[in-house]
Every structure is written in structure tokens, then in C-alpha cells.
PDB file of N, CA and C in Angstrom:
ATOM      1  N   MET A   1     -23.649  25.537  13.306  1.00  0.00           N
ATOM      2  CA  MET A   1     -23.059  24.546  13.674  1.00  0.00           C
ATOM      3  C   MET A   1     -22.179  24.067  14.894  1.00  0.00           C
ATOM      4  N   GLU A   2     -22.412  23.702  15.956  1.00  0.00           N
ATOM      5  CA  GLU A   2     -21.489  23.574  17.093  1.00  0.00           C
ATOM      6  C   GLU A   2     -20.321  22.603  16.737  1.00  0.00           C
ATOM      7  N   LYS A   3     -19.189  22.960  17.052  1.00  0.00           N
ATOM      8  CA  LYS A   3     -17.896  21.911  17.045  1.00  0.00           C
ATOM      9  C   LYS A   3     -18.001  20.857  18.069  1.00  0.00           C
ATOM     10  N   PRO A   4     -17.752  19.575  17.733  1.00  0.00           N
ATOM     11  CA  PRO A   4     -17.812  18.410  18.746  1.00  0.00           C
ATOM     12  C   PRO A   4     -16.747  18.850  19.739  1.00  0.00           C
ATOM     13  N   SER A   5     -16.754  18.183  20.727  1.00  0.00           N
ATOM     14  CA  SER A   5     -15.781  18.426  21.959  1.00  0.00           C
ATOM     15  C   SER A   5     -14.636  17.266  21.776  1.00  0.00           C
ATOM     16  N   LYS A   6     -13.576  17.781  22.465  1.00  0.00           N
ATOM     17  CA  LYS A   6     -12.220  16.920  21.836  1.00  0.00           C
ATOM     18  C   LYS A   6     -12.595  15.509  22.646  1.00  0.00           C
ATOM     19  N   GLU A   7     -13.574  15.041  23.793  1.00  0.00           N
ATOM     20  CA  GLU A   7     -14.049  13.971  24.191  1.00  0.00           C
ATOM     21  C   GLU A   7     -14.823  12.926  23.048  1.00  0.00           C
ATOM     22  N   THR A   8     -15.777  14.045  22.426  1.00  0.00           N
ATOM     23  CA  THR A   8     -16.609  13.356  21.485  1.00  0.00           C
ATOM     24  C   THR A   8     -15.645  12.985  20.149  1.00  0.00           C
ATOM     25  N   LEU A   9     -14.771  14.037  19.646  1.00  0.00           N
ATOM     26  CA  LEU A   9     -13.624  13.555  18.757  1.00  0.00           C
ATOM     27  C   LEU A   9     -13.076  12.380  18.877  1.00  0.00           C
ATOM     28  N   GLU A  10     -12.499  12.291  20.055  1.00  0.00           N
ATOM     29  CA  GLU A  10     -11.748  11.142  20.364  1.00  0.00           C
ATOM     30  C   GLU A  10     -12.483   9.564  20.603  1.00  0.00           C
ATOM     31  N   LYS A  11     -13.935   9.931  20.857  1.00  0.00           N
ATOM     32  CA  LYS A  11     -14.773   8.827  21.005  1.00  0.00           C
ATOM     33  C   LYS A  11     -14.959   8.228  19.296  1.00  0.00           C
ATOM     34  N   TRP A  12     -15.341   9.249  18.617  1.00  0.00           N
ATOM     35  CA  TRP A  12     -15.661   8.778  17.236  1.00  0.00           C
ATOM     36  C   TRP A  12     -14.376   7.971  16.659  1.00  0.00           C
ATOM     37  N   LYS A  13     -13.082   8.414  16.978  1.00  0.00           N
ATOM     38  CA  LYS A  13     -12.041   8.170  16.272  1.00  0.00           C
ATOM     39  C   LYS A  13     -11.714   6.431  16.864  1.00  0.00           C
ATOM     40  N   ASN A  14     -11.874   6.252  18.181  1.00  0.00           N
ATOM     41  CA  ASN A  14     -11.523   5.090  18.726  1.00  0.00           C
ATOM     42  C   ASN A  14     -12.685   4.069  18.894  1.00  0.00           C
ATOM     43  N   ASP A  15     -13.966   4.615  18.572  1.00  0.00           N
ATOM     44  CA  ASP A  15     -14.919   3.587  18.775  1.00  0.00           C
ATOM     45  C   ASP A  15     -15.081   2.807  17.246  1.00  0.00           C
ATOM     46  N   ASP A  16     -14.993   1.268  17.674  1.00  0.00           N
ATOM     47  CA  ASP A  16     -15.078   0.355  16.381  1.00  0.00           C
ATOM     48  C   ASP A  16     -16.377   0.459  15.730  1.00  0.00           C
ATOM     49  N   LYS A  17     -17.482   1.054  16.311  1.00  0.00           N
ATOM     50  CA  LYS A  17     -18.588   0.935  15.440  1.00  0.00           C
ATOM     51  C   LYS A  17     -18.883   1.985  14.380  1.00  0.00           C
ATOM     52  N   TYR A  18     -17.897   2.946  14.458  1.00  0.00           N
ATOM     53  CA  TYR A  18     -17.651   3.888  13.269  1.00  0.00           C
ATOM     54  C   TYR A  18     -16.930   3.586  12.225  1.00  0.00           C
ATOM     55  N   TRP A  19     -16.106   2.215  12.561  1.00  0.00           N
ATOM     56  CA  TRP A  19     -15.144   1.916  11.566  1.00  0.00           C
ATOM     57  C   TRP A  19     -15.440   0.622  10.866  1.00  0.00           C
ATOM     58  N   ILE A  20     -15.773   0.522   9.422  1.00  0.00           N
ATOM     59  CA  ILE A  20     -16.062  -0.810   9.010  1.00  0.00           C
ATOM     60  C   ILE A  20     -15.092  -1.314   8.644  1.00  0.00           C
ATOM     61  N   TRP A  21     -14.861  -2.711   9.133  1.00  0.00           N
ATOM     62  CA  TRP A  21     -13.441  -3.480   8.938  1.00  0.00           C
ATOM     63  C   TRP A  21     -12.244  -2.643   9.578  1.00  0.00           C
ATOM     64  N   GLY A  22     -12.472  -1.733  10.237  1.00  0.00           N
ATOM     65  CA  GLY A  22     -11.359  -1.115  10.639  1.00  0.00           C
ATOM     66  C   GLY A  22     -10.742  -0.055   9.901  1.00  0.00           C
ATOM     67  N   CYS A  23     -11.287   0.259   8.578  1.00  0.00           N
ATOM     68  CA  CYS A  23     -10.652   1.234   7.997  1.00  0.00           C
ATOM     69  C   CYS A  23     -11.479   2.094   7.249  1.00  0.00           C
ATOM     70  N   ILE A  24     -12.925   1.827   6.982  1.00  0.00           N
ATOM     71  CA  ILE A  24     -13.692   2.552   6.204  1.00  0.00           C
ATOM     72  C   ILE A  24     -14.889   3.255   7.418  1.00  0.00           C
ATOM     73  N   TYR A  25     -14.628   4.669   7.326  1.00  0.00           N
ATOM     74  CA  TYR A  25     -15.380   5.566   8.392  1.00  0.00           C
ATOM     75  C   TYR A  25     -16.566   5.751   8.128  1.00  0.00           C
ATOM     76  N   TYR A  26     -17.580   5.588   8.951  1.00  0.00           N
ATOM     77  CA  TYR A  26     -19.189   5.788   8.656  1.00  0.00           C
ATOM     78  C   TYR A  26     -19.843   6.299  10.120  1.00  0.00           C
ATOM     79  N   ASN A  27     -20.006   7.558  10.072  1.00  0.00           N
ATOM     80  CA  ASN A  27     -20.552   7.992  11.339  1.00  0.00           C
ATOM     81  C   ASN A  27     -21.355   9.371  10.747  1.00  0.00           C
ATOM     82  N   PRO A  28     -22.707   8.971  10.910  1.00  0.00           N
ATOM     83  CA  PRO A  28     -23.787  10.059  10.607  1.00  0.00           C
ATOM     84  C   PRO A  28     -23.636  11.163  11.250  1.00  0.00           C
ATOM     85  N   GLU A  29     -23.333  11.046  12.742  1.00  0.00           N
ATOM     86  CA  GLU A  29     -23.341  12.265  13.433  1.00  0.00           C
ATOM     87  C   GLU A  29     -22.111  13.392  12.998  1.00  0.00           C
ATOM     88  N   ASP A  30     -21.159  12.708  12.471  1.00  0.00           N
ATOM     89  CA  ASP A  30     -19.932  13.556  12.152  1.00  0.00           C
ATOM     90  C   ASP A  30     -19.928  14.532  10.872  1.00  0.00           C
ATOM     91  N   LYS A  31     -20.029  15.569  10.917  1.00  0.00           N
ATOM     92  CA  LYS A  31     -20.229  16.443   9.965  1.00  0.00           C
ATOM     93  C   LYS A  31     -19.112  16.992   8.977  1.00  0.00           C
ATOM     94  N   ARG A  32     -17.902  16.551   9.702  1.00  0.00           N
ATOM     95  CA  ARG A  32     -16.658  16.908   8.831  1.00  0.00           C
ATOM     96  C   ARG A  32     -16.529  16.223   7.451  1.00  0.00           C
ATOM     97  N   ILE A  33     -15.952  16.949   6.440  1.00  0.00           N
ATOM     98  CA  ILE A  33     -15.836  16.422   5.414  1.00  0.00           C
ATOM     99  C   ILE A  33     -14.633  15.241   5.102  1.00  0.00           C
ATOM    100  N   LEU A  34     -13.688  15.720   5.646  1.00  0.00           N
ATOM    101  CA  LEU A  34     -12.331  14.842   5.576  1.00  0.00           C
ATOM    102  C   LEU A  34     -11.914  14.769   7.026  1.00  0.00           C
ATOM    103  N   PRO A  35     -12.529  13.741   7.837  1.00  0.00           N
ATOM    104  CA  PRO A  35     -11.823  13.568   9.154  1.00  0.00           C
ATOM    105  C   PRO A  35     -10.635  12.701   9.050  1.00  0.00           C
ATOM    106  N   PRO A  36      -9.662  12.904  10.293  1.00  0.00           N
ATOM    107  CA  PRO A  36      -8.550  12.282  10.319  1.00  0.00           C
ATOM    108  C   PRO A  36      -8.779  10.780  10.432  1.00  0.00           C
ATOM    109  N   LYS A  37      -7.883   9.999   9.839  1.00  0.00           N
ATOM    110  CA  LYS A  37      -7.818   8.523  10.135  1.00  0.00           C
ATOM    111  C   LYS A  37      -7.636   8.149  11.419  1.00  0.00           C
ATOM    112  N   ARG A  38      -7.588   6.928  11.781  1.00  0.00           N
ATOM    113  CA  ARG A  38      -7.423   6.646  13.112  1.00  0.00           C
ATOM    114  C   ARG A  38      -6.213   6.854  13.636  1.00  0.00           C
ATOM    115  N   LEU A  39      -5.011   6.590  12.676  1.00  0.00           N
ATOM    116  CA  LEU A  39      -3.660   7.100  12.922  1.00  0.00           C
ATOM    117  C   LEU A  39      -3.576   8.427  12.248  1.00  0.00           C
ATOM    118  N   SER A  40      -3.658   9.320  13.146  1.00  0.00           N
ATOM    119  CA  SER A  40      -3.499  10.676  12.522  1.00  0.00           C
ATOM    120  C   SER A  40      -2.472  11.023  11.457  1.00  0.00           C
ATOM    121  N   TRP A  41      -1.277  10.117  11.673  1.00  0.00           N
ATOM    122  CA  TRP A  41      -0.148  10.397  10.871  1.00  0.00           C
ATOM    123  C   TRP A  41      -0.370   9.956   9.587  1.00  0.00           C
ATOM    124  N   MET A  42      -1.535   9.133   9.490  1.00  0.00           N
ATOM    125  CA  MET A  42      -1.642   8.655   8.040  1.00  0.00           C
ATOM    126  C   MET A  42      -2.567   9.733   7.114  1.00  0.00           C
ATOM    127  N   GLY A  43      -2.976  10.678   7.807  1.00  0.00           N
ATOM    128  CA  GLY A  43      -3.716  11.555   6.782  1.00  0.00           C
ATOM    129  C   GLY A  43      -5.380  11.714   7.082  1.00  0.00           C
ATOM    130  N   TRP A  44      -5.969  11.849   5.974  1.00  0.00           N
ATOM    131  CA  TRP A  44      -7.625  11.866   6.366  1.00  0.00           C
ATOM    132  C   TRP A  44      -8.115  10.796   5.498  1.00  0.00           C
ATOM    133  N   THR A  45      -9.462  10.600   5.888  1.00  0.00           N
ATOM    134  CA  THR A  45     -10.248   9.534   5.269  1.00  0.00           C
ATOM    135  C   THR A  45     -11.479  10.431   4.810  1.00  0.00           C
ATOM    136  N   VAL A  46     -12.888   9.453   4.080  1.00  0.00           N
ATOM    137  CA  VAL A  46     -13.748  10.153   3.920  1.00  0.00           C
ATOM    138  C   VAL A  46     -14.730   9.579   5.055  1.00  0.00           C
ATOM    139  N   ASN A  47     -15.717  10.288   5.236  1.00  0.00           N
ATOM    140  CA  ASN A  47     -16.858   9.879   6.267  1.00  0.00           C
ATOM    141  C   ASN A  47     -18.105   9.455   5.065  1.00  0.00           C
ATOM    142  N   PHE A  48     -18.152   8.221   4.916  1.00  0.00           N
ATOM    143  CA  PHE A  48     -19.116   7.698   3.917  1.00  0.00           C
ATOM    144  C   PHE A  48     -20.736   7.629   4.412  1.00  0.00           C
ATOM    145  N   ALA A  49     -20.897   8.411   5.725  1.00  0.00           N
ATOM    146  CA  ALA A  49     -22.239   8.639   6.019  1.00  0.00           C
ATOM    147  C   ALA A  49     -22.427  10.246   5.758  1.00  0.00           C
ATOM    148  N   ASN A  50     -21.618  11.029   5.107  1.00  0.00           N
ATOM    149  CA  ASN A  50     -21.646  12.351   4.855  1.00  0.00           C
ATOM    150  C   ASN A  50     -21.714  12.572   3.193  1.00  0.00           C
ATOM    151  N   LYS A  51     -22.879  13.115   2.882  1.00  0.00           N
ATOM    152  CA  LYS A  51     -23.279  13.126   1.448  1.00  0.00           C
ATOM    153  C   LYS A  51     -22.014  13.957   0.910  1.00  0.00           C
ATOM    154  N   ILE A  52     -21.755  14.848   1.550  1.00  0.00           N
ATOM    155  CA  ILE A  52     -20.881  16.066   0.867  1.00  0.00           C
ATOM    156  C   ILE A  52     -19.385  15.672   0.799  1.00  0.00           C
ATOM    157  N   SER A  53     -18.987  14.708   1.821  1.00  0.00           N
ATOM    158  CA  SER A  53     -17.768  14.016   1.576  1.00  0.00           C
ATOM    159  C   SER A  53     -17.896  13.049   0.554  1.00  0.00           C
ATOM    160  N   LEU A  54     -19.006  12.228   0.428  1.00  0.00           N
ATOM    161  CA  LEU A  54     -19.059  11.220  -0.727  1.00  0.00           C
ATOM    162  C   LEU A  54     -18.750  12.035  -2.148  1.00  0.00           C
ATOM    163  N   LEU A  55     -19.336  13.051  -2.266  1.00  0.00           N
ATOM    164  CA  LEU A  55     -19.265  13.860  -3.361  1.00  0.00           C
ATOM    165  C   LEU A  55     -17.908  14.432  -3.697  1.00  0.00           C
ATOM    166  N   VAL A  56     -16.951  14.943  -2.766  1.00  0.00           N
ATOM    167  CA  VAL A  56     -15.570  15.226  -2.698  1.00  0.00           C
ATOM    168  C   VAL A  56     -15.012  13.959  -3.220  1.00  0.00           C
ATOM    169  N   PHE A  57     -15.316  12.824  -2.607  1.00  0.00           N
ATOM    170  CA  PHE A  57     -14.507  11.603  -2.959  1.00  0.00           C
ATOM    171  C   PHE A  57     -14.637  11.004  -4.496  1.00  0.00           C
ATOM    172  N   VAL A  58     -15.769  11.311  -4.616  1.00  0.00           N
ATOM    173  CA  VAL A  58     -16.124  10.761  -6.168  1.00  0.00           C
ATOM    174  C   VAL A  58     -15.387  11.797  -7.045  1.00  0.00           C
ATOM    175  N   ALA A  59     -15.508  13.048  -6.739  1.00  0.00           N
ATOM    176  CA  ALA A  59     -14.841  14.092  -7.706  1.00  0.00           C
ATOM    177  C   ALA A  59     -13.274  13.986  -7.749  1.00  0.00           C
ATOM    178  N   ILE A  60     -12.670  13.609  -6.783  1.00  0.00           N
ATOM    179  CA  ILE A  60     -11.288  13.436  -6.352  1.00  0.00           C
ATOM    180  C   ILE A  60     -11.179  11.923  -7.338  1.00  0.00           C
ATOM    181  N   MET A  61     -11.912  11.116  -7.387  1.00  0.00           N
ATOM    182  CA  MET A  61     -11.778   9.980  -8.004  1.00  0.00           C
ATOM    183  C   MET A  61     -11.732  10.351  -9.800  1.00  0.00           C
ATOM    184  N   ALA A  62     -12.782  10.704  -9.911  1.00  0.00           N
ATOM    185  CA  ALA A  62     -13.078  11.054 -11.349  1.00  0.00           C
ATOM    186  C   ALA A  62     -12.019  11.881 -11.872  1.00  0.00           C
ATOM    187  N   ILE A  63     -11.665  12.917 -11.486  1.00  0.00           N
ATOM    188  CA  ILE A  63     -10.482  14.076 -11.645  1.00  0.00           C
ATOM    189  C   ILE A  63      -9.193  12.933 -11.799  1.00  0.00           C
ATOM    190  N   SER A  64      -8.972  12.117 -11.000  1.00  0.00           N
ATOM    191  CA  SER A  64      -7.675  11.363 -11.139  1.00  0.00           C
ATOM    192  C   SER A  64      -7.990  10.380 -12.451  1.00  0.00           C
ATOM    193  N   ILE A  65      -9.054   9.732 -12.511  1.00  0.00           N
ATOM    194  CA  ILE A  65      -9.161   8.727 -13.643  1.00  0.00           C
ATOM    195  C   ILE A  65      -8.836   9.446 -14.819  1.00  0.00           C
ATOM    196  N   ALA A  66      -9.650  10.785 -14.946  1.00  0.00           N
ATOM    197  CA  ALA A  66      -9.460  11.427 -16.002  1.00  0.00           C
ATOM    198  C   ALA A  66      -8.209  11.987 -16.513  1.00  0.00           C
ATOM    199  N   LEU A  67      -7.400  12.339 -15.592  1.00  0.00           N
ATOM    200  CA  LEU A  67      -6.068  12.520 -15.739  1.00  0.00           C
ATOM    201  C   LEU A  67      -5.235  11.506 -16.599  1.00  0.00           C
ATOM    202  N   ILE A  68      -5.347  10.255 -15.677  1.00  0.00           N
ATOM    203  CA  ILE A  68      -4.767   9.147 -16.140  1.00  0.00           C
ATOM    204  C   ILE A  68      -5.160   8.646 -17.553  1.00  0.00           C
ATOM    205  N   VAL A  69      -6.478   8.957 -17.989  1.00  0.00           N
ATOM    206  CA  VAL A  69      -6.996   8.488 -19.193  1.00  0.00           C
ATOM    207  C   VAL A  69      -6.722   9.539 -20.151  1.00  0.00           C
ATOM    208  N   LEU A  70      -6.677  10.826 -20.114  1.00  0.00           N
ATOM    209  CA  LEU A  70      -6.845  11.901 -20.850  1.00  0.00           C
ATOM    210  C   LEU A  70      -4.973  12.486 -21.205  1.00  0.00           C
ATOM    211  N   LEU A  71      -4.366  12.195 -20.454  1.00  0.00           N
ATOM    212  CA  LEU A  71      -2.804  12.611 -20.562  1.00  0.00           C
ATOM    213  C   LEU A  71      -1.985  11.600 -21.464  1.00  0.00           C
ATOM    214  N   PRO A  72      -1.481  12.136 -22.448  1.00  0.00           N
ATOM    215  CA  PRO A  72      -0.742  11.280 -23.164  1.00  0.00           C
ATOM    216  C   PRO A  72       0.270  10.260 -22.386  1.00  0.00           C
ATOM    217  N   ASN A  73       0.506   9.043 -22.801  1.00  0.00           N
ATOM    218  CA  ASN A  73       1.420   8.244 -22.331  1.00  0.00           C
ATOM    219  C   ASN A  73       2.582   8.810 -22.495  1.00  0.00           C
ATOM    220  N   GLN A  74       3.729   8.506 -21.759  1.00  0.00           N
ATOM    221  CA  GLN A  74       4.978   9.169 -21.912  1.00  0.00           C
ATOM    222  C   GLN A  74       6.087   7.930 -21.584  1.00  0.00           C
TER     223      GLN A  74
END
């Protein structure tokens, strides 16, 4: 798989058509699992068009919920 050019990455980051309500990233062309957010200092986001990315998101959420439910209250 060929890496996208810097110009393509910038286009994906700045083009509103890939951002639902400005915060949900949906880009079927982008194969990265956790692409950076629009403001890169804020970390990463999930590409909701990528099935692997969705699985990672669901796994992280399931582990987080399981930890909250299963760990004893202190």
C-alpha cells in the first residue's frame, strides 16, 4: 500500500467533506487506523469509514466500560 502524499494528507485534514459536523472523520480513501484530528495537538481520531478503525474504537470502548463496571468502587 502506497502512503498518501503530504498534499493529500493536508487535503483530507482540511476538506470539510471528510468531517461530519466538523468533528467526526469519515473518509473511505484514508486507510489509516487512527488519523490525527484537525488540530493535531488534540491527538488522534477514528476514521469511521475504515472497518479496522471502527473495531479498534469499539474495543477501546468495551475495555473502558468493562474496567469501570468490573473494578471495585473505592
